[in-house]
Amino acid sequence: MTEPWGQAARRPARRPTPAGRAGLAQQLYDARKKTVQQIADMFNVPRSTVHGHLDKAKTVPRQPKKTAAAKL
């Protein structure tokens, strides 16, 4: 089937991430059971997508910031 001149075939829009998957990703990350890369691999999405769905207010920092006193 050919498209009319000037009209290219369109890709279907991406489906939104179900809230359950985003919630599961948040739980795995907060419990420190999986890294962001491992979660991305589980859901077959880019790592940046996982970062976008993580709730920064709920997420505990991974490591404290290093200070000059901590390096000694």
Protein backbone atom coordinates (compact mmCIF):
# COMPACT_ATOMS: atom_id res chain seq x y z
CA MET A 1 0.00 0.00 0.00
CA THR A 2 1.46 3.34 -0.97
CA GLU A 3 0.90 6.57 0.88
CA PRO A 4 -0.22 9.66 -0.97
CA TRP A 5 2.57 12.02 -1.98
CA GLY A 6 4.03 13.84 1.05
CA GLN A 7 2.41 11.66 3.70
CA ALA A 8 4.81 9.35 5.43
CA ALA A 9 3.70 6.41 7.50
CA ARG A 10 3.32 7.39 11.16
CA ARG A 11 4.51 5.38 14.10
CA PRO A 12 1.91 4.63 16.72
CA ALA A 13 2.22 6.67 19.90
CA ARG A 14 3.95 5.06 22.85
CA ARG A 15 1.67 3.66 25.46
CA PRO A 16 1.90 5.42 28.82
CA THR A 17 3.71 3.54 31.57
CA PRO A 18 1.16 1.89 33.82
CA ALA A 19 1.15 3.25 37.36
CA GLY A 20 1.82 -0.26 38.68
CA ARG A 21 5.10 -0.53 36.80
CA ALA A 22 6.21 2.93 37.93
CA GLY A 23 5.28 2.04 41.51
CA LEU A 24 7.18 -1.23 41.33
CA ALA A 25 10.23 0.56 39.94
CA GLN A 26 10.05 3.05 42.81
CA GLN A 27 9.82 0.26 45.40
CA LEU A 28 12.74 -1.66 43.93
CA TYR A 29 14.88 1.46 43.78
CA ASP A 30 13.99 2.66 47.29
CA ALA A 31 14.64 -0.77 48.80
CA ARG A 32 18.03 -0.74 47.01
CA LYS A 33 17.29 -4.14 45.52
CA LYS A 34 17.89 -3.00 41.94
CA THR A 35 19.84 -0.24 40.24
CA VAL A 36 18.23 2.10 37.73
CA GLN A 37 19.93 0.21 34.90
CA GLN A 38 18.62 -3.14 36.18
CA ILE A 39 15.08 -1.74 36.46
CA ALA A 40 15.34 -0.33 32.93
CA ASP A 41 16.45 -3.73 31.66
CA MET A 42 13.54 -5.44 33.45
CA PHE A 43 10.98 -3.19 31.77
CA ASN A 44 12.85 -2.95 28.46
CA VAL A 45 13.00 0.86 28.57
CA PRO A 46 15.88 3.35 28.53
CA ARG A 47 17.48 4.29 31.84
CA SER A 48 16.38 7.91 31.36
CA THR A 49 12.74 6.77 31.31
CA VAL A 50 13.15 5.11 34.70
CA HIS A 51 14.78 8.25 36.09
CA GLY A 52 11.85 10.28 34.79
CA HIS A 53 9.32 8.12 36.64
CA LEU A 54 11.14 7.99 39.98
CA ASP A 55 9.67 10.31 42.59
CA LYS A 56 12.59 12.45 43.70
CA ALA A 57 10.79 13.54 46.91
CA LYS A 58 10.47 9.92 48.13
CA THR A 59 13.85 8.67 46.96
CA VAL A 60 16.59 8.47 49.56
CA PRO A 61 20.00 9.59 48.31
CA ARG A 62 22.28 6.67 47.46
CA GLN A 63 25.46 7.95 49.10
CA PRO A 64 26.17 10.95 51.29
CA LYS A 65 28.10 13.77 49.69
CA LYS A 66 31.82 13.49 50.25
CA THR A 67 33.37 16.29 52.28
CA ALA A 68 37.00 17.14 52.85
CA ALA A 69 36.82 15.65 56.37
CA ALA A 70 35.36 12.38 55.06
CA LYS A 71 38.25 11.90 52.63
CA LEU A 72 40.89 11.80 55.39
